[in-house]
Amino acid sequence: MRNYLYLGIAVLFEVAATTALKETQGFTRLIPSLIVVVGYAFAFYFLSLTVRTMPVGIVYALWSGAGIVLVAAFGWLWFRQGLDFPAMAGMALIMAGVIVINLFSKTLVH
């Protein structure tokens, strides 16, 4: 269960860093740039803790899938970036894939 905690923390740091990336304006603004660098550093640190005991492909699929959906949600909420039906349908498929991996994959067990 600790693996999922580490993975969740990694996702949150990655989402914060990726969301802040837009505000860096090409890394010309200090505070958002620091959030990006520190956020990615912590994201990869916690991701490295997760892959010690879980398959890297599965971890990456879960990490990137959750990150895609959450960054898109923050873009919609924070930056007022619209999502059309194909984008929402694609993200629904990503979420379905994450659910299938978590519920049915035997490769998560070590």
PDB file of N, CA and C in Angstrom:
ATOM      1  N   MET A   1       0.824  -1.194   0.000  1.00  0.00           N
ATOM      2  CA  MET A   1       0.000   0.000   0.000  1.00  0.00           C
ATOM      3  C   MET A   1       0.872   1.263   0.000  1.00  0.00           C
ATOM      4  N   ARG A   2       2.058   1.158   0.584  1.00  0.00           N
ATOM      5  CA  ARG A   2       2.968   2.303   0.606  1.00  0.00           C
ATOM      6  C   ARG A   2       3.342   2.727  -0.821  1.00  0.00           C
ATOM      7  N   ASN A   3       3.425   1.736  -1.723  1.00  0.00           N
ATOM      8  CA  ASN A   3       3.754   2.057  -3.116  1.00  0.00           C
ATOM      9  C   ASN A   3       2.744   3.010  -3.723  1.00  0.00           C
ATOM     10  N   TYR A   4       1.461   2.778  -3.424  1.00  0.00           N
ATOM     11  CA  TYR A   4       0.432   3.657  -3.971  1.00  0.00           C
ATOM     12  C   TYR A   4       0.488   5.053  -3.345  1.00  0.00           C
ATOM     13  N   LEU A   5       0.881   5.136  -2.092  1.00  0.00           N
ATOM     14  CA  LEU A   5       1.067   6.437  -1.459  1.00  0.00           C
ATOM     15  C   LEU A   5       2.195   7.198  -2.159  1.00  0.00           C
ATOM     16  N   TYR A   6       3.331   6.518  -2.360  1.00  0.00           N
ATOM     17  CA  TYR A   6       4.451   7.151  -3.066  1.00  0.00           C
ATOM     18  C   TYR A   6       4.052   7.552  -4.486  1.00  0.00           C
ATOM     19  N   LEU A   7       3.325   6.677  -5.147  1.00  0.00           N
ATOM     20  CA  LEU A   7       2.889   6.980  -6.512  1.00  0.00           C
ATOM     21  C   LEU A   7       1.938   8.179  -6.520  1.00  0.00           C
ATOM     22  N   GLY A   8       1.024   8.233  -5.576  1.00  0.00           N
ATOM     23  CA  GLY A   8       0.114   9.367  -5.485  1.00  0.00           C
ATOM     24  C   GLY A   8       0.846  10.675  -5.231  1.00  0.00           C
ATOM     25  N   ILE A   9       1.838  10.635  -4.357  1.00  0.00           N
ATOM     26  CA  ILE A   9       2.644  11.834  -4.080  1.00  0.00           C
ATOM     27  C   ILE A   9       3.401  12.249  -5.330  1.00  0.00           C
ATOM     28  N   ALA A  10       3.962  11.270  -6.038  1.00  0.00           N
ATOM     29  CA  ALA A  10       4.690  11.560  -7.284  1.00  0.00           C
ATOM     30  C   ALA A  10       3.769  12.228  -8.299  1.00  0.00           C
ATOM     31  N   VAL A  11       2.557  11.720  -8.420  1.00  0.00           N
ATOM     32  CA  VAL A  11       1.590  12.300  -9.357  1.00  0.00           C
ATOM     33  C   VAL A  11       1.265  13.737  -8.965  1.00  0.00           C
ATOM     34  N   LEU A  12       1.030  13.982  -7.689  1.00  0.00           N
ATOM     35  CA  LEU A  12       0.690  15.339  -7.245  1.00  0.00           C
ATOM     36  C   LEU A  12       1.818  16.332  -7.522  1.00  0.00           C
ATOM     37  N   PHE A  13       3.059  15.924  -7.245  1.00  0.00           N
ATOM     38  CA  PHE A  13       4.185  16.817  -7.544  1.00  0.00           C
ATOM     39  C   PHE A  13       4.331  17.048  -9.050  1.00  0.00           C
ATOM     40  N   GLU A  14       4.126  15.996  -9.837  1.00  0.00           N
ATOM     41  CA  GLU A  14       4.243  16.140 -11.291  1.00  0.00           C
ATOM     42  C   GLU A  14       3.154  17.053 -11.829  1.00  0.00           C
ATOM     43  N   VAL A  15       1.950  16.917 -11.328  1.00  0.00           N
ATOM     44  CA  VAL A  15       0.839  17.761 -11.779  1.00  0.00           C
ATOM     45  C   VAL A  15       1.091  19.220 -11.391  1.00  0.00           C
ATOM     46  N   ALA A  16       1.573  19.450 -10.178  1.00  0.00           N
ATOM     47  CA  ALA A  16       1.891  20.823  -9.757  1.00  0.00           C
ATOM     48  C   ALA A  16       2.977  21.412 -10.641  1.00  0.00           C
ATOM     49  N   ALA A  17       4.014  20.633 -10.911  1.00  0.00           N
ATOM     50  CA  ALA A  17       5.115  21.128 -11.733  1.00  0.00           C
ATOM     51  C   ALA A  17       4.663  21.410 -13.164  1.00  0.00           C
ATOM     52  N   THR A  18       3.911  20.493 -13.745  1.00  0.00           N
ATOM     53  CA  THR A  18       3.455  20.672 -15.119  1.00  0.00           C
ATOM     54  C   THR A  18       2.483  21.838 -15.234  1.00  0.00           C
ATOM     55  N   THR A  19       1.611  21.988 -14.254  1.00  0.00           N
ATOM     56  CA  THR A  19       0.672  23.108 -14.266  1.00  0.00           C
ATOM     57  C   THR A  19       1.415  24.438 -14.142  1.00  0.00           C
ATOM     58  N   ALA A  20       2.449  24.478 -13.300  1.00  0.00           N
ATOM     59  CA  ALA A  20       3.232  25.704 -13.123  1.00  0.00           C
ATOM     60  C   ALA A  20       4.071  26.028 -14.352  1.00  0.00           C
ATOM     61  N   LEU A  21       4.340  25.033 -15.182  1.00  0.00           N
ATOM     62  CA  LEU A  21       5.184  25.243 -16.366  1.00  0.00           C
ATOM     63  C   LEU A  21       4.657  26.364 -17.255  1.00  0.00           C
ATOM     64  N   LYS A  22       3.348  26.449 -17.408  1.00  0.00           N
ATOM     65  CA  LYS A  22       2.764  27.514 -18.233  1.00  0.00           C
ATOM     66  C   LYS A  22       3.088  28.896 -17.682  1.00  0.00           C
ATOM     67  N   GLU A  23       3.115  29.005 -16.361  1.00  0.00           N
ATOM     68  CA  GLU A  23       3.358  30.302 -15.717  1.00  0.00           C
ATOM     69  C   GLU A  23       4.827  30.729 -15.727  1.00  0.00           C
ATOM     70  N   THR A  24       5.739  29.850 -16.105  1.00  0.00           N
ATOM     71  CA  THR A  24       7.160  30.224 -16.124  1.00  0.00           C
ATOM     72  C   THR A  24       7.483  31.208 -17.235  1.00  0.00           C
ATOM     73  N   GLN A  25       6.633  31.232 -18.259  1.00  0.00           N
ATOM     74  CA  GLN A  25       6.869  32.068 -19.445  1.00  0.00           C
ATOM     75  C   GLN A  25       8.279  31.849 -19.978  1.00  0.00           C
ATOM     76  N   GLY A  26       8.565  30.576 -20.278  1.00  0.00           N
ATOM     77  CA  GLY A  26       9.880  30.231 -20.824  1.00  0.00           C
ATOM     78  C   GLY A  26      10.979  30.295 -19.782  1.00  0.00           C
ATOM     79  N   PHE A  27      10.652  29.992 -18.547  1.00  0.00           N
ATOM     80  CA  PHE A  27      11.579  30.049 -17.408  1.00  0.00           C
ATOM     81  C   PHE A  27      12.147  31.453 -17.188  1.00  0.00           C
ATOM     82  N   THR A  28      11.320  32.463 -17.451  1.00  0.00           N
ATOM     83  CA  THR A  28      11.735  33.843 -17.193  1.00  0.00           C
ATOM     84  C   THR A  28      11.155  34.374 -15.879  1.00  0.00           C
ATOM     85  N   ARG A  29      10.267  33.602 -15.249  1.00  0.00           N
ATOM     86  CA  ARG A  29       9.680  34.001 -13.963  1.00  0.00           C
ATOM     87  C   ARG A  29      10.186  33.040 -12.896  1.00  0.00           C
ATOM     88  N   LEU A  30      10.768  33.590 -11.827  1.00  0.00           N
ATOM     89  CA  LEU A  30      11.488  32.800 -10.837  1.00  0.00           C
ATOM     90  C   LEU A  30      10.603  31.832 -10.060  1.00  0.00           C
ATOM     91  N   ILE A  31       9.549  32.307  -9.437  1.00  0.00           N
ATOM     92  CA  ILE A  31       8.747  31.455  -8.550  1.00  0.00           C
ATOM     93  C   ILE A  31       8.119  30.270  -9.308  1.00  0.00           C
ATOM     94  N   PRO A  32       7.437  30.507 -10.419  1.00  0.00           N
ATOM     95  CA  PRO A  32       6.901  29.349 -11.143  1.00  0.00           C
ATOM     96  C   PRO A  32       8.008  28.401 -11.626  1.00  0.00           C
ATOM     97  N   SER A  33       9.151  28.951 -12.004  1.00  0.00           N
ATOM     98  CA  SER A  33      10.271  28.109 -12.441  1.00  0.00           C
ATOM     99  C   SER A  33      10.786  27.235 -11.309  1.00  0.00           C
ATOM    100  N   LEU A  34      10.859  27.791 -10.106  1.00  0.00           N
ATOM    101  CA  LEU A  34      11.274  27.001  -8.944  1.00  0.00           C
ATOM    102  C   LEU A  34      10.261  25.901  -8.628  1.00  0.00           C
ATOM    103  N   ILE A  35       8.979  26.222  -8.767  1.00  0.00           N
ATOM    104  CA  ILE A  35       7.938  25.215  -8.539  1.00  0.00           C
ATOM    105  C   ILE A  35       8.107  24.059  -9.527  1.00  0.00           C
ATOM    106  N   VAL A  36       8.413  24.378 -10.773  1.00  0.00           N
ATOM    107  CA  VAL A  36       8.608  23.341 -11.788  1.00  0.00           C
ATOM    108  C   VAL A  36       9.801  22.459 -11.439  1.00  0.00           C
ATOM    109  N   VAL A  37      10.933  23.061 -11.154  1.00  0.00           N
ATOM    110  CA  VAL A  37      12.151  22.291 -10.884  1.00  0.00           C
ATOM    111  C   VAL A  37      11.994  21.442  -9.617  1.00  0.00           C
ATOM    112  N   VAL A  38      11.528  22.056  -8.544  1.00  0.00           N
ATOM    113  CA  VAL A  38      11.356  21.324  -7.282  1.00  0.00           C
ATOM    114  C   VAL A  38      10.266  20.265  -7.425  1.00  0.00           C
ATOM    115  N   GLY A  39       9.181  20.610  -8.094  1.00  0.00           N
ATOM    116  CA  GLY A  39       8.085  19.665  -8.281  1.00  0.00           C
ATOM    117  C   GLY A  39       8.519  18.428  -9.048  1.00  0.00           C
ATOM    118  N   TYR A  40       9.247  18.624 -10.144  1.00  0.00           N
ATOM    119  CA  TYR A  40       9.718  17.463 -10.912  1.00  0.00           C
ATOM    120  C   TYR A  40      10.748  16.660 -10.128  1.00  0.00           C
ATOM    121  N   ALA A  41      11.607  17.337  -9.370  1.00  0.00           N
ATOM    122  CA  ALA A  41      12.600  16.609  -8.560  1.00  0.00           C
ATOM    123  C   ALA A  41      11.901  15.695  -7.550  1.00  0.00           C
ATOM    124  N   PHE A  42      10.915  16.231  -6.831  1.00  0.00           N
ATOM    125  CA  PHE A  42      10.183  15.407  -5.869  1.00  0.00           C
ATOM    126  C   PHE A  42       9.352  14.332  -6.577  1.00  0.00           C
ATOM    127  N   ALA A  43       8.772  14.668  -7.718  1.00  0.00           N
ATOM    128  CA  ALA A  43       7.975  13.684  -8.461  1.00  0.00           C
ATOM    129  C   ALA A  43       8.835  12.484  -8.839  1.00  0.00           C
ATOM    130  N   PHE A  44      10.022  12.739  -9.368  1.00  0.00           N
ATOM    131  CA  PHE A  44      10.882  11.631  -9.779  1.00  0.00           C
ATOM    132  C   PHE A  44      11.464  10.894  -8.580  1.00  0.00           C
ATOM    133  N   TYR A  45      11.686  11.590  -7.491  1.00  0.00           N
ATOM    134  CA  TYR A  45      12.157  10.905  -6.287  1.00  0.00           C
ATOM    135  C   TYR A  45      11.103   9.893  -5.818  1.00  0.00           C
ATOM    136  N   PHE A  46       9.857  10.343  -5.670  1.00  0.00           N
ATOM    137  CA  PHE A  46       8.807   9.436  -5.212  1.00  0.00           C
ATOM    138  C   PHE A  46       8.500   8.365  -6.252  1.00  0.00           C
ATOM    139  N   LEU A  47       8.650   8.700  -7.530  1.00  0.00           N
ATOM    140  CA  LEU A  47       8.482   7.687  -8.566  1.00  0.00           C
ATOM    141  C   LEU A  47       9.569   6.611  -8.440  1.00  0.00           C
ATOM    142  N   SER A  48      10.777   7.026  -8.108  1.00  0.00           N
ATOM    143  CA  SER A  48      11.867   6.057  -7.936  1.00  0.00           C
ATOM    144  C   SER A  48      11.613   5.125  -6.757  1.00  0.00           C
ATOM    145  N   LEU A  49      10.959   5.614  -5.721  1.00  0.00           N
ATOM    146  CA  LEU A  49      10.610   4.753  -4.590  1.00  0.00           C
ATOM    147  C   LEU A  49       9.565   3.717  -5.005  1.00  0.00           C
ATOM    148  N   THR A  50       8.676   4.122  -5.878  1.00  0.00           N
ATOM    149  CA  THR A  50       7.613   3.224  -6.330  1.00  0.00           C
ATOM    150  C   THR A  50       8.156   2.103  -7.203  1.00  0.00           C
ATOM    151  N   VAL A  51       9.069   2.424  -8.102  1.00  0.00           N
ATOM    152  CA  VAL A  51       9.561   1.396  -9.038  1.00  0.00           C
ATOM    153  C   VAL A  51      10.529   0.415  -8.394  1.00  0.00           C
ATOM    154  N   ARG A  52      10.874   0.628  -7.128  1.00  0.00           N
ATOM    155  CA  ARG A  52      11.712  -0.364  -6.435  1.00  0.00           C
ATOM    156  C   ARG A  52      10.983  -1.688  -6.298  1.00  0.00           C
ATOM    157  N   THR A  53       9.662  -1.637  -6.151  1.00  0.00           N
ATOM    158  CA  THR A  53       8.918  -2.873  -5.904  1.00  0.00           C
ATOM    159  C   THR A  53       7.772  -3.113  -6.886  1.00  0.00           C
ATOM    160  N   MET A  54       7.547  -2.201  -7.811  1.00  0.00           N
ATOM    161  CA  MET A  54       6.489  -2.378  -8.812  1.00  0.00           C
ATOM    162  C   MET A  54       7.107  -2.308 -10.198  1.00  0.00           C
ATOM    163  N   PRO A  55       6.524  -2.979 -11.178  1.00  0.00           N
ATOM    164  CA  PRO A  55       7.056  -2.940 -12.540  1.00  0.00           C
ATOM    165  C   PRO A  55       7.040  -1.519 -13.114  1.00  0.00           C
ATOM    166  N   VAL A  56       8.149  -1.129 -13.704  1.00  0.00           N
ATOM    167  CA  VAL A  56       8.293   0.246 -14.182  1.00  0.00           C
ATOM    168  C   VAL A  56       7.256   0.595 -15.248  1.00  0.00           C
ATOM    169  N   GLY A  57       6.904  -0.330 -16.119  1.00  0.00           N
ATOM    170  CA  GLY A  57       5.910  -0.051 -17.154  1.00  0.00           C
ATOM    171  C   GLY A  57       4.538   0.224 -16.580  1.00  0.00           C
ATOM    172  N   ILE A  58       4.161  -0.546 -15.579  1.00  0.00           N
ATOM    173  CA  ILE A  58       2.861  -0.347 -14.930  1.00  0.00           C
ATOM    174  C   ILE A  58       2.857   0.973 -14.162  1.00  0.00           C
ATOM    175  N   VAL A  59       3.926   1.225 -13.425  1.00  0.00           N
ATOM    176  CA  VAL A  59       4.031   2.477 -12.668  1.00  0.00           C
ATOM    177  C   VAL A  59       3.946   3.671 -13.609  1.00  0.00           C
ATOM    178  N   TYR A  60       4.668   3.606 -14.719  1.00  0.00           N
ATOM    179  CA  TYR A  60       4.656   4.723 -15.655  1.00  0.00           C
ATOM    180  C   TYR A  60       3.269   4.909 -16.268  1.00  0.00           C
ATOM    181  N   ALA A  61       2.593   3.814 -16.577  1.00  0.00           N
ATOM    182  CA  ALA A  61       1.243   3.926 -17.137  1.00  0.00           C
ATOM    183  C   ALA A  61       0.297   4.602 -16.148  1.00  0.00           C
ATOM    184  N   LEU A  62       0.368   4.202 -14.883  1.00  0.00           N
ATOM    185  CA  LEU A  62      -0.491   4.802 -13.861  1.00  0.00           C
ATOM    186  C   LEU A  62      -0.135   6.263 -13.636  1.00  0.00           C
ATOM    187  N   TRP A  63       1.167   6.550 -13.528  1.00  0.00           N
ATOM    188  CA  TRP A  63       1.658   7.909 -13.273  1.00  0.00           C
ATOM    189  C   TRP A  63       1.276   8.857 -14.411  1.00  0.00           C
ATOM    190  N   SER A  64       1.568   8.435 -15.631  1.00  0.00           N
ATOM    191  CA  SER A  64       1.290   9.323 -16.757  1.00  0.00           C
ATOM    192  C   SER A  64      -0.210   9.459 -17.010  1.00  0.00           C
ATOM    193  N   GLY A  65      -0.958   8.368 -16.862  1.00  0.00           N
ATOM    194  CA  GLY A  65      -2.405   8.441 -17.067  1.00  0.00           C
ATOM    195  C   GLY A  65      -3.073   9.377 -16.086  1.00  0.00           C
ATOM    196  N   ALA A  66      -2.749   9.213 -14.812  1.00  0.00           N
ATOM    197  CA  ALA A  66      -3.323  10.107 -13.800  1.00  0.00           C
ATOM    198  C   ALA A  66      -2.869  11.545 -14.034  1.00  0.00           C
ATOM    199  N   GLY A  67      -1.609  11.714 -14.394  1.00  0.00           N
ATOM    200  CA  GLY A  67      -1.083  13.057 -14.648  1.00  0.00           C
ATOM    201  C   GLY A  67      -1.772  13.749 -15.809  1.00  0.00           C
ATOM    202  N   ILE A  68      -1.994  13.016 -16.893  1.00  0.00           N
ATOM    203  CA  ILE A  68      -2.663  13.594 -18.064  1.00  0.00           C
ATOM    204  C   ILE A  68      -4.045  14.114 -17.692  1.00  0.00           C
ATOM    205  N   VAL A  69      -4.804  13.295 -17.014  1.00  0.00           N
ATOM    206  CA  VAL A  69      -6.176  13.671 -16.675  1.00  0.00           C
ATOM    207  C   VAL A  69      -6.184  14.845 -15.685  1.00  0.00           C
ATOM    208  N   LEU A  70      -5.322  14.793 -14.676  1.00  0.00           N
ATOM    209  CA  LEU A  70      -5.309  15.875 -13.678  1.00  0.00           C
ATOM    210  C   LEU A  70      -4.789  17.187 -14.250  1.00  0.00           C
ATOM    211  N   VAL A  71      -3.757  17.137 -15.085  1.00  0.00           N
ATOM    212  CA  VAL A  71      -3.247  18.377 -15.700  1.00  0.00           C
ATOM    213  C   VAL A  71      -4.309  18.981 -16.612  1.00  0.00           C
ATOM    214  N   ALA A  72      -4.997  18.145 -17.370  1.00  0.00           N
ATOM    215  CA  ALA A  72      -6.078  18.661 -18.223  1.00  0.00           C
ATOM    216  C   ALA A  72      -7.184  19.284 -17.381  1.00  0.00           C
ATOM    217  N   ALA A  73      -7.512  18.660 -16.244  1.00  0.00           N
ATOM    218  CA  ALA A  73      -8.537  19.226 -15.360  1.00  0.00           C
ATOM    219  C   ALA A  73      -8.099  20.566 -14.792  1.00  0.00           C
ATOM    220  N   PHE A  74      -6.835  20.659 -14.361  1.00  0.00           N
ATOM    221  CA  PHE A  74      -6.342  21.934 -13.847  1.00  0.00           C
ATOM    222  C   PHE A  74      -6.286  22.985 -14.945  1.00  0.00           C
ATOM    223  N   GLY A  75      -5.913  22.587 -16.160  1.00  0.00           N
ATOM    224  CA  GLY A  75      -5.924  23.525 -17.286  1.00  0.00           C
ATOM    225  C   GLY A  75      -7.317  24.066 -17.537  1.00  0.00           C
ATOM    226  N   TRP A  76      -8.292  23.198 -17.416  1.00  0.00           N
ATOM    227  CA  TRP A  76      -9.686  23.614 -17.612  1.00  0.00           C
ATOM    228  C   TRP A  76     -10.135  24.543 -16.489  1.00  0.00           C
ATOM    229  N   LEU A  77      -9.819  24.186 -15.240  1.00  0.00           N
ATOM    230  CA  LEU A  77     -10.253  24.981 -14.095  1.00  0.00           C
ATOM    231  C   LEU A  77      -9.453  26.265 -13.928  1.00  0.00           C
ATOM    232  N   TRP A  78      -8.138  26.154 -13.994  1.00  0.00           N
ATOM    233  CA  TRP A  78      -7.253  27.272 -13.649  1.00  0.00           C
ATOM    234  C   TRP A  78      -7.052  28.235 -14.815  1.00  0.00           C
ATOM    235  N   PHE A  79      -6.813  27.676 -16.016  1.00  0.00           N
ATOM    236  CA  PHE A  79      -6.479  28.501 -17.179  1.00  0.00           C
ATOM    237  C   PHE A  79      -7.651  28.685 -18.136  1.00  0.00           C
ATOM    238  N   ARG A  80      -8.807  28.103 -17.790  1.00  0.00           N
ATOM    239  CA  ARG A  80     -10.008  28.197 -18.621  1.00  0.00           C
ATOM    240  C   ARG A  80      -9.774  27.618 -20.023  1.00  0.00           C
ATOM    241  N   GLN A  81      -8.973  26.555 -20.107  1.00  0.00           N
ATOM    242  CA  GLN A  81      -8.701  25.899 -21.377  1.00  0.00           C
ATOM    243  C   GLN A  81      -9.801  24.876 -21.637  1.00  0.00           C
ATOM    244  N   GLY A  82     -10.469  25.031 -22.753  1.00  0.00           N
ATOM    245  CA  GLY A  82     -11.588  24.159 -23.069  1.00  0.00           C
ATOM    246  C   GLY A  82     -11.163  22.754 -23.452  1.00  0.00           C
ATOM    247  N   LEU A  83     -12.053  21.810 -23.245  1.00  0.00           N
ATOM    248  CA  LEU A  83     -11.853  20.430 -23.659  1.00  0.00           C
ATOM    249  C   LEU A  83     -13.031  20.028 -24.532  1.00  0.00           C
ATOM    250  N   ASP A  84     -12.748  19.602 -25.764  1.00  0.00           N
ATOM    251  CA  ASP A  84     -13.831  19.160 -26.628  1.00  0.00           C
ATOM    252  C   ASP A  84     -14.150  17.688 -26.354  1.00  0.00           C
ATOM    253  N   PHE A  85     -15.185  17.192 -27.030  1.00  0.00           N
ATOM    254  CA  PHE A  85     -15.631  15.825 -26.778  1.00  0.00           C
ATOM    255  C   PHE A  85     -14.539  14.788 -27.037  1.00  0.00           C
ATOM    256  N   PRO A  86     -13.788  14.864 -28.154  1.00  0.00           N
ATOM    257  CA  PRO A  86     -12.744  13.858 -28.350  1.00  0.00           C
ATOM    258  C   PRO A  86     -11.685  13.868 -27.241  1.00  0.00           C
ATOM    259  N   ALA A  87     -11.345  15.048 -26.726  1.00  0.00           N
ATOM    260  CA  ALA A  87     -10.368  15.122 -25.630  1.00  0.00           C
ATOM    261  C   ALA A  87     -10.929  14.466 -24.371  1.00  0.00           C
ATOM    262  N   MET A  88     -12.179  14.760 -24.065  1.00  0.00           N
ATOM    263  CA  MET A  88     -12.787  14.163 -22.870  1.00  0.00           C
ATOM    264  C   MET A  88     -12.967  12.656 -23.034  1.00  0.00           C
ATOM    265  N   ALA A  89     -13.334  12.220 -24.231  1.00  0.00           N
ATOM    266  CA  ALA A  89     -13.490  10.786 -24.473  1.00  0.00           C
ATOM    267  C   ALA A  89     -12.143  10.075 -24.344  1.00  0.00           C
ATOM    268  N   GLY A  90     -11.098  10.688 -24.879  1.00  0.00           N
ATOM    269  CA  GLY A  90      -9.762  10.101 -24.755  1.00  0.00           C
ATOM    270  C   GLY A  90      -9.324   9.999 -23.308  1.00  0.00           C
ATOM    271  N   MET A  91      -9.587  11.021 -22.528  1.00  0.00           N
ATOM    272  CA  MET A  91      -9.228  10.974 -21.109  1.00  0.00           C
ATOM    273  C   MET A  91     -10.065   9.962 -20.350  1.00  0.00           C
ATOM    274  N   ALA A  92     -11.309   9.778 -20.754  1.00  0.00           N
ATOM    275  CA  ALA A  92     -12.132   8.737 -20.136  1.00  0.00           C
ATOM    276  C   ALA A  92     -11.533   7.359 -20.421  1.00  0.00           C
ATOM    277  N   LEU A  93     -11.025   7.165 -21.626  1.00  0.00           N
ATOM    278  CA  LEU A  93     -10.374   5.898 -21.961  1.00  0.00           C
ATOM    279  C   LEU A  93      -9.092   5.703 -21.154  1.00  0.00           C
ATOM    280  N   ILE A  94      -8.341   6.787 -20.942  1.00  0.00           N
ATOM    281  CA  ILE A  94      -7.136   6.708 -20.114  1.00  0.00           C
ATOM    282  C   ILE A  94      -7.511   6.301 -18.695  1.00  0.00           C
ATOM    283  N   MET A  95      -8.535   6.938 -18.140  1.00  0.00           N
ATOM    284  CA  MET A  95      -8.979   6.587 -16.790  1.00  0.00           C
ATOM    285  C   MET A  95      -9.457   5.141 -16.734  1.00  0.00           C
ATOM    286  N   ALA A  96     -10.149   4.700 -17.770  1.00  0.00           N
ATOM    287  CA  ALA A  96     -10.596   3.308 -17.814  1.00  0.00           C
ATOM    288  C   ALA A  96      -9.389   2.373 -17.816  1.00  0.00           C
ATOM    289  N   GLY A  97      -8.352   2.729 -18.547  1.00  0.00           N
ATOM    290  CA  GLY A  97      -7.138   1.916 -18.562  1.00  0.00           C
ATOM    291  C   GLY A  97      -6.474   1.845 -17.202  1.00  0.00           C
ATOM    292  N   VAL A  98      -6.415   2.958 -16.501  1.00  0.00           N
ATOM    293  CA  VAL A  98      -5.835   2.977 -15.157  1.00  0.00           C
ATOM    294  C   VAL A  98      -6.658   2.092 -14.216  1.00  0.00           C
ATOM    295  N   ILE A  99      -7.966   2.159 -14.340  1.00  0.00           N
ATOM    296  CA  ILE A  99      -8.834   1.323 -13.502  1.00  0.00           C
ATOM    297  C   ILE A  99      -8.632  -0.152 -13.811  1.00  0.00           C
ATOM    298  N   VAL A 100      -8.560  -0.497 -15.094  1.00  0.00           N
ATOM    299  CA  VAL A 100      -8.352  -1.898 -15.487  1.00  0.00           C
ATOM    300  C   VAL A 100      -7.027  -2.414 -14.935  1.00  0.00           C
ATOM    301  N   ILE A 101      -5.975  -1.611 -15.055  1.00  0.00           N
ATOM    302  CA  ILE A 101      -4.666  -2.029 -14.528  1.00  0.00           C
ATOM    303  C   ILE A 101      -4.763  -2.285 -13.024  1.00  0.00           C
ATOM    304  N   ASN A 102      -5.372  -1.365 -12.313  1.00  0.00           N
ATOM    305  CA  ASN A 102      -5.451  -1.500 -10.852  1.00  0.00           C
ATOM    306  C   ASN A 102      -6.333  -2.656 -10.403  1.00  0.00           C
ATOM    307  N   LEU A 103      -7.413  -2.910 -11.104  1.00  0.00           N
ATOM    308  CA  LEU A 103      -8.344  -3.937 -10.662  1.00  0.00           C
ATOM    309  C   LEU A 103      -7.992  -5.345 -11.142  1.00  0.00           C
ATOM    310  N   PHE A 104      -7.399  -5.448 -12.329  1.00  0.00           N
ATOM    311  CA  PHE A 104      -7.269  -6.763 -12.932  1.00  0.00           C
ATOM    312  C   PHE A 104      -5.846  -7.223 -13.219  1.00  0.00           C
ATOM    313  N   SER A 105      -4.871  -6.333 -13.192  1.00  0.00           N
ATOM    314  CA  SER A 105      -3.521  -6.733 -13.549  1.00  0.00           C
ATOM    315  C   SER A 105      -2.866  -7.539 -12.424  1.00  0.00           C
ATOM    316  N   LYS A 106      -2.288  -8.645 -12.796  1.00  0.00           N
ATOM    317  CA  LYS A 106      -1.552  -9.485 -11.834  1.00  0.00           C
ATOM    318  C   LYS A 106      -0.087  -9.043 -11.738  1.00  0.00           C
ATOM    319  N   THR A 107       0.351  -8.158 -12.626  1.00  0.00           N
ATOM    320  CA  THR A 107       1.754  -7.732 -12.604  1.00  0.00           C
ATOM    321  C   THR A 107       2.056  -6.767 -11.476  1.00  0.00           C
ATOM    322  N   LEU A 108       1.034  -6.259 -10.793  1.00  0.00           N
ATOM    323  CA  LEU A 108       1.264  -5.347  -9.673  1.00  0.00           C
ATOM    324  C   LEU A 108       1.706  -6.088  -8.426  1.00  0.00           C
ATOM    325  N   VAL A 109       1.422  -7.362  -8.346  1.00  0.00           N
ATOM    326  CA  VAL A 109       1.719  -8.150  -7.143  1.00  0.00           C
ATOM    327  C   VAL A 109       3.134  -8.699  -7.218  1.00  0.00           C
ATOM    328  N   HIS A 110       3.881  -8.479  -6.156  1.00  0.00           N
ATOM    329  CA  HIS A 110       5.242  -9.054  -6.066  1.00  0.00           C
ATOM    330  C   HIS A 110       5.401  -9.814  -4.784  1.00  0.00           C
TER     331      HIS A 110
END
